[in-house]
Amino acid sequence: MFYSFELQMAGVILLTAMTVCGISLWIKRRKLEKESVEQESTESIEQDVSENQWFNLKIIFERN
């Protein structure tokens, strides 16, 4: 009987540890995905701005 109780307690401890690790990894992955999306959006905005500047310069030179 006592041996069975020890196995149950070990199972509870392992289940708790695995749950905590899984949640922390999920939060970390979610944070990294959020940062990468923000970085991609700022890069695309910078690229759009540089393309617009090039387009505006092209129009100015074509008018002259």
PDB file of N, CA and C in Angstrom:
ATOM      1  N   MET A   1       0.830  -1.195   0.000  1.00  0.00           N
ATOM      2  CA  MET A   1       0.000   0.000   0.000  1.00  0.00           C
ATOM      3  C   MET A   1       0.875   1.261   0.000  1.00  0.00           C
ATOM      4  N   PHE A   2       1.910   1.261   0.826  1.00  0.00           N
ATOM      5  CA  PHE A   2       2.764   2.437   0.928  1.00  0.00           C
ATOM      6  C   PHE A   2       3.514   2.697  -0.377  1.00  0.00           C
ATOM      7  N   TYR A   3       3.926   1.614  -1.047  1.00  0.00           N
ATOM      8  CA  TYR A   3       4.638   1.738  -2.308  1.00  0.00           C
ATOM      9  C   TYR A   3       3.755   2.410  -3.354  1.00  0.00           C
ATOM     10  N   SER A   4       2.508   2.072  -3.380  1.00  0.00           N
ATOM     11  CA  SER A   4       1.566   2.670  -4.317  1.00  0.00           C
ATOM     12  C   SER A   4       1.404   4.169  -4.027  1.00  0.00           C
ATOM     13  N   PHE A   5       1.361   4.523  -2.755  1.00  0.00           N
ATOM     14  CA  PHE A   5       1.223   5.939  -2.386  1.00  0.00           C
ATOM     15  C   PHE A   5       2.440   6.751  -2.851  1.00  0.00           C
ATOM     16  N   GLU A   6       3.637   6.182  -2.713  1.00  0.00           N
ATOM     17  CA  GLU A   6       4.844   6.876  -3.159  1.00  0.00           C
ATOM     18  C   GLU A   6       4.813   7.107  -4.673  1.00  0.00           C
ATOM     19  N   LEU A   7       4.361   6.114  -5.423  1.00  0.00           N
ATOM     20  CA  LEU A   7       4.261   6.281  -6.875  1.00  0.00           C
ATOM     21  C   LEU A   7       3.244   7.366  -7.241  1.00  0.00           C
ATOM     22  N   GLN A   8       2.147   7.415  -6.511  1.00  0.00           N
ATOM     23  CA  GLN A   8       1.138   8.450  -6.771  1.00  0.00           C
ATOM     24  C   GLN A   8       1.708   9.839  -6.490  1.00  0.00           C
ATOM     25  N   MET A   9       2.438   9.988  -5.417  1.00  0.00           N
ATOM     26  CA  MET A   9       3.026  11.284  -5.086  1.00  0.00           C
ATOM     27  C   MET A   9       4.078  11.692  -6.121  1.00  0.00           C
ATOM     28  N   ALA A  10       4.880  10.717  -6.572  1.00  0.00           N
ATOM     29  CA  ALA A  10       5.863  11.013  -7.613  1.00  0.00           C
ATOM     30  C   ALA A  10       5.151  11.455  -8.893  1.00  0.00           C
ATOM     31  N   GLY A  11       4.041  10.811  -9.212  1.00  0.00           N
ATOM     32  CA  GLY A  11       3.257  11.203 -10.388  1.00  0.00           C
ATOM     33  C   GLY A  11       2.703  12.604 -10.256  1.00  0.00           C
ATOM     34  N   VAL A  12       2.216  12.945  -9.089  1.00  0.00           N
ATOM     35  CA  VAL A  12       1.684  14.301  -8.871  1.00  0.00           C
ATOM     36  C   VAL A  12       2.796  15.330  -9.007  1.00  0.00           C
ATOM     37  N   ILE A  13       3.946  15.059  -8.446  1.00  0.00           N
ATOM     38  CA  ILE A  13       5.071  15.996  -8.527  1.00  0.00           C
ATOM     39  C   ILE A  13       5.524  16.156  -9.978  1.00  0.00           C
ATOM     40  N   LEU A  14       5.659  15.033 -10.698  1.00  0.00           N
ATOM     41  CA  LEU A  14       6.081  15.116 -12.104  1.00  0.00           C
ATOM     42  C   LEU A  14       5.050  15.842 -12.954  1.00  0.00           C
ATOM     43  N   LEU A  15       3.784  15.563 -12.736  1.00  0.00           N
ATOM     44  CA  LEU A  15       2.730  16.231 -13.495  1.00  0.00           C
ATOM     45  C   LEU A  15       2.762  17.740 -13.263  1.00  0.00           C
ATOM     46  N   THR A  16       2.942  18.126 -12.006  1.00  0.00           N
ATOM     47  CA  THR A  16       3.013  19.551 -11.684  1.00  0.00           C
ATOM     48  C   THR A  16       4.224  20.209 -12.342  1.00  0.00           C
ATOM     49  N   ALA A  17       5.375  19.552 -12.263  1.00  0.00           N
ATOM     50  CA  ALA A  17       6.588  20.109 -12.855  1.00  0.00           C
ATOM     51  C   ALA A  17       6.453  20.226 -14.373  1.00  0.00           C
ATOM     52  N   MET A  18       5.897  19.206 -15.011  1.00  0.00           N
ATOM     53  CA  MET A  18       5.737  19.247 -16.466  1.00  0.00           C
ATOM     54  C   MET A  18       4.746  20.328 -16.880  1.00  0.00           C
ATOM     55  N   THR A  19       3.705  20.530 -16.099  1.00  0.00           N
ATOM     56  CA  THR A  19       2.717  21.567 -16.401  1.00  0.00           C
ATOM     57  C   THR A  19       3.345  22.954 -16.294  1.00  0.00           C
ATOM     58  N   VAL A  20       4.108  23.180 -15.235  1.00  0.00           N
ATOM     59  CA  VAL A  20       4.755  24.480 -15.044  1.00  0.00           C
ATOM     60  C   VAL A  20       5.756  24.743 -16.169  1.00  0.00           C
ATOM     61  N   CYS A  21       6.548  23.748 -16.525  1.00  0.00           N
ATOM     62  CA  CYS A  21       7.524  23.918 -17.612  1.00  0.00           C
ATOM     63  C   CYS A  21       6.819  24.176 -18.943  1.00  0.00           C
ATOM     64  N   GLY A  22       5.753  23.454 -19.202  1.00  0.00           N
ATOM     65  CA  GLY A  22       5.011  23.650 -20.450  1.00  0.00           C
ATOM     66  C   GLY A  22       4.429  25.039 -20.558  1.00  0.00           C
ATOM     67  N   ILE A  23       3.859  25.541 -19.468  1.00  0.00           N
ATOM     68  CA  ILE A  23       3.277  26.885 -19.485  1.00  0.00           C
ATOM     69  C   ILE A  23       4.361  27.932 -19.666  1.00  0.00           C
ATOM     70  N   SER A  24       5.497  27.762 -18.980  1.00  0.00           N
ATOM     71  CA  SER A  24       6.572  28.756 -19.116  1.00  0.00           C
ATOM     72  C   SER A  24       7.141  28.758 -20.532  1.00  0.00           C
ATOM     73  N   LEU A  25       7.298  27.578 -21.146  1.00  0.00           N
ATOM     74  CA  LEU A  25       7.786  27.525 -22.529  1.00  0.00           C
ATOM     75  C   LEU A  25       6.774  28.142 -23.493  1.00  0.00           C
ATOM     76  N   TRP A  26       5.485  27.916 -23.240  1.00  0.00           N
ATOM     77  CA  TRP A  26       4.440  28.495 -24.083  1.00  0.00           C
ATOM     78  C   TRP A  26       4.473  30.018 -24.005  1.00  0.00           C
ATOM     79  N   ILE A  27       4.639  30.562 -22.790  1.00  0.00           N
ATOM     80  CA  ILE A  27       4.710  32.024 -22.614  1.00  0.00           C
ATOM     81  C   ILE A  27       5.947  32.581 -23.315  1.00  0.00           C
ATOM     82  N   LYS A  28       7.074  31.892 -23.186  1.00  0.00           N
ATOM     83  CA  LYS A  28       8.314  32.342 -23.823  1.00  0.00           C
ATOM     84  C   LYS A  28       8.165  32.355 -25.338  1.00  0.00           C
ATOM     85  N   ARG A  29       7.587  31.273 -25.909  1.00  0.00           N
ATOM     86  CA  ARG A  29       7.393  31.203 -27.359  1.00  0.00           C
ATOM     87  C   ARG A  29       6.439  32.292 -27.835  1.00  0.00           C
ATOM     88  N   ARG A  30       5.390  32.536 -27.072  1.00  0.00           N
ATOM     89  CA  ARG A  30       4.420  33.573 -27.436  1.00  0.00           C
ATOM     90  C   ARG A  30       5.085  34.952 -27.432  1.00  0.00           C
ATOM     91  N   LYS A  31       5.935  35.199 -26.448  1.00  0.00           N
ATOM     92  CA  LYS A  31       6.648  36.475 -26.367  1.00  0.00           C
ATOM     93  C   LYS A  31       7.587  36.647 -27.554  1.00  0.00           C
ATOM     94  N   LEU A  32       8.321  35.594 -27.908  1.00  0.00           N
ATOM     95  CA  LEU A  32       9.239  35.667 -29.051  1.00  0.00           C
ATOM     96  C   LEU A  32       8.483  35.882 -30.365  1.00  0.00           C
ATOM     97  N   GLU A  33       7.338  35.212 -30.537  1.00  0.00           N
ATOM     98  CA  GLU A  33       6.541  35.405 -31.748  1.00  0.00           C
ATOM     99  C   GLU A  33       6.018  36.836 -31.835  1.00  0.00           C
ATOM    100  N   LYS A  34       5.603  37.377 -30.701  1.00  0.00           N
ATOM    101  CA  LYS A  34       5.105  38.753 -30.676  1.00  0.00           C
ATOM    102  C   LYS A  34       6.215  39.730 -31.048  1.00  0.00           C
ATOM    103  N   GLU A  35       7.420  39.513 -30.519  1.00  0.00           N
ATOM    104  CA  GLU A  35       8.547  40.386 -30.842  1.00  0.00           C
ATOM    105  C   GLU A  35       8.926  40.283 -32.310  1.00  0.00           C
ATOM    106  N   SER A  36       8.884  39.074 -32.871  1.00  0.00           N
ATOM    107  CA  SER A  36       9.255  38.916 -34.277  1.00  0.00           C
ATOM    108  C   SER A  36       8.225  39.581 -35.185  1.00  0.00           C
ATOM    109  N   VAL A  37       6.946  39.526 -34.825  1.00  0.00           N
ATOM    110  CA  VAL A  37       5.913  40.188 -35.624  1.00  0.00           C
ATOM    111  C   VAL A  37       6.107  41.697 -35.571  1.00  0.00           C
ATOM    112  N   GLU A  38       6.414  42.226 -34.386  1.00  0.00           N
ATOM    113  CA  GLU A  38       6.651  43.666 -34.259  1.00  0.00           C
ATOM    114  C   GLU A  38       7.882  44.075 -35.061  1.00  0.00           C
ATOM    115  N   GLN A  39       8.923  43.264 -35.044  1.00  0.00           N
ATOM    116  CA  GLN A  39      10.147  43.576 -35.785  1.00  0.00           C
ATOM    117  C   GLN A  39       9.882  43.548 -37.286  1.00  0.00           C
ATOM    118  N   GLU A  40       9.113  42.568 -37.752  1.00  0.00           N
ATOM    119  CA  GLU A  40       8.788  42.490 -39.174  1.00  0.00           C
ATOM    120  C   GLU A  40       7.964  43.687 -39.615  1.00  0.00           C
ATOM    121  N   SER A  41       7.049  44.136 -38.771  1.00  0.00           N
ATOM    122  CA  SER A  41       6.222  45.281 -39.148  1.00  0.00           C
ATOM    123  C   SER A  41       7.050  46.559 -39.216  1.00  0.00           C
ATOM    124  N   THR A  42       8.006  46.731 -38.292  1.00  0.00           N
ATOM    125  CA  THR A  42       8.844  47.932 -38.351  1.00  0.00           C
ATOM    126  C   THR A  42       9.768  47.879 -39.566  1.00  0.00           C
ATOM    127  N   GLU A  43      10.260  46.676 -39.901  1.00  0.00           N
ATOM    128  CA  GLU A  43      11.110  46.555 -41.094  1.00  0.00           C
ATOM    129  C   GLU A  43      10.319  46.849 -42.361  1.00  0.00           C
ATOM    130  N   SER A  44       9.083  46.383 -42.426  1.00  0.00           N
ATOM    131  CA  SER A  44       8.282  46.642 -43.622  1.00  0.00           C
ATOM    132  C   SER A  44       7.927  48.120 -43.726  1.00  0.00           C
ATOM    133  N   ILE A  45       7.700  48.775 -42.593  1.00  0.00           N
ATOM    134  CA  ILE A  45       7.414  50.215 -42.610  1.00  0.00           C
ATOM    135  C   ILE A  45       8.647  50.974 -43.088  1.00  0.00           C
ATOM    136  N   GLU A  46       9.829  50.594 -42.582  1.00  0.00           N
ATOM    137  CA  GLU A  46      11.059  51.255 -43.020  1.00  0.00           C
ATOM    138  C   GLU A  46      11.285  51.034 -44.509  1.00  0.00           C
ATOM    139  N   GLN A  47      11.001  49.844 -44.995  1.00  0.00           N
ATOM    140  CA  GLN A  47      11.176  49.551 -46.414  1.00  0.00           C
ATOM    141  C   GLN A  47      10.193  50.373 -47.246  1.00  0.00           C
ATOM    142  N   ASP A  48       8.934  50.484 -46.778  1.00  0.00           N
ATOM    143  CA  ASP A  48       7.947  51.287 -47.497  1.00  0.00           C
ATOM    144  C   ASP A  48       8.368  52.746 -47.563  1.00  0.00           C
ATOM    145  N   VAL A  49       8.920  53.256 -46.468  1.00  0.00           N
ATOM    146  CA  VAL A  49       9.362  54.648 -46.447  1.00  0.00           C
ATOM    147  C   VAL A  49      10.504  54.846 -47.437  1.00  0.00           C
ATOM    148  N   SER A  50      11.470  53.937 -47.457  1.00  0.00           N
ATOM    149  CA  SER A  50      12.602  54.088 -48.370  1.00  0.00           C
ATOM    150  C   SER A  50      12.149  53.947 -49.827  1.00  0.00           C
ATOM    151  N   GLU A  51      11.190  53.053 -50.091  1.00  0.00           N
ATOM    152  CA  GLU A  51      10.673  52.915 -51.453  1.00  0.00           C
ATOM    153  C   GLU A  51       9.936  54.182 -51.876  1.00  0.00           C
ATOM    154  N   ASN A  52       9.180  54.781 -50.959  1.00  0.00           N
ATOM    155  CA  ASN A  52       8.467  56.016 -51.278  1.00  0.00           C
ATOM    156  C   ASN A  52       9.442  57.158 -51.537  1.00  0.00           C
ATOM    157  N   GLN A  53      10.528  57.219 -50.781  1.00  0.00           N
ATOM    158  CA  GLN A  53      11.525  58.256 -51.015  1.00  0.00           C
ATOM    159  C   GLN A  53      12.148  58.073 -52.391  1.00  0.00           C
ATOM    160  N   TRP A  54      12.462  56.856 -52.767  1.00  0.00           N
ATOM    161  CA  TRP A  54      13.038  56.578 -54.075  1.00  0.00           C
ATOM    162  C   TRP A  54      12.048  56.943 -55.174  1.00  0.00           C
ATOM    163  N   PHE A  55      10.780  56.608 -54.969  1.00  0.00           N
ATOM    164  CA  PHE A  55       9.752  56.920 -55.957  1.00  0.00           C
ATOM    165  C   PHE A  55       9.599  58.435 -56.112  1.00  0.00           C
ATOM    166  N   ASN A  56       9.620  59.165 -55.005  1.00  0.00           N
ATOM    167  CA  ASN A  56       9.503  60.620 -55.063  1.00  0.00           C
ATOM    168  C   ASN A  56      10.695  61.240 -55.782  1.00  0.00           C
ATOM    169  N   LEU A  57      11.906  60.718 -55.524  1.00  0.00           N
ATOM    170  CA  LEU A  57      13.084  61.230 -56.223  1.00  0.00           C
ATOM    171  C   LEU A  57      12.988  60.941 -57.717  1.00  0.00           C
ATOM    172  N   LYS A  58      12.484  59.780 -58.068  1.00  0.00           N
ATOM    173  CA  LYS A  58      12.341  59.401 -59.464  1.00  0.00           C
ATOM    174  C   LYS A  58      11.374  60.358 -60.168  1.00  0.00           C
ATOM    175  N   ILE A  59      10.279  60.701 -59.511  1.00  0.00           N
ATOM    176  CA  ILE A  59       9.297  61.624 -60.094  1.00  0.00           C
ATOM    177  C   ILE A  59       9.918  63.002 -60.279  1.00  0.00           C
ATOM    178  N   ILE A  60      10.698  63.449 -59.292  1.00  0.00           N
ATOM    179  CA  ILE A  60      11.332  64.768 -59.388  1.00  0.00           C
ATOM    180  C   ILE A  60      12.289  64.819 -60.565  1.00  0.00           C
ATOM    181  N   PHE A  61      13.103  63.750 -60.747  1.00  0.00           N
ATOM    182  CA  PHE A  61      14.058  63.740 -61.844  1.00  0.00           C
ATOM    183  C   PHE A  61      13.357  63.615 -63.191  1.00  0.00           C
ATOM    184  N   GLU A  62      12.228  62.932 -63.254  1.00  0.00           N
ATOM    185  CA  GLU A  62      11.509  62.795 -64.509  1.00  0.00           C
ATOM    186  C   GLU A  62      10.879  64.122 -64.920  1.00  0.00           C
ATOM    187  N   ARG A  63      10.491  64.934 -63.967  1.00  0.00           N
ATOM    188  CA  ARG A  63       9.879  66.233 -64.295  1.00  0.00           C
ATOM    189  C   ARG A  63      10.918  67.203 -64.862  1.00  0.00           C
ATOM    190  N   ASN A  64      12.161  67.066 -64.424  1.00  0.00           N
ATOM    191  CA  ASN A  64      13.215  68.000 -64.878  1.00  0.00           C
ATOM    192  C   ASN A  64      13.751  67.534 -66.150  1.00  0.00           C
TER     193      ASN A  64
END
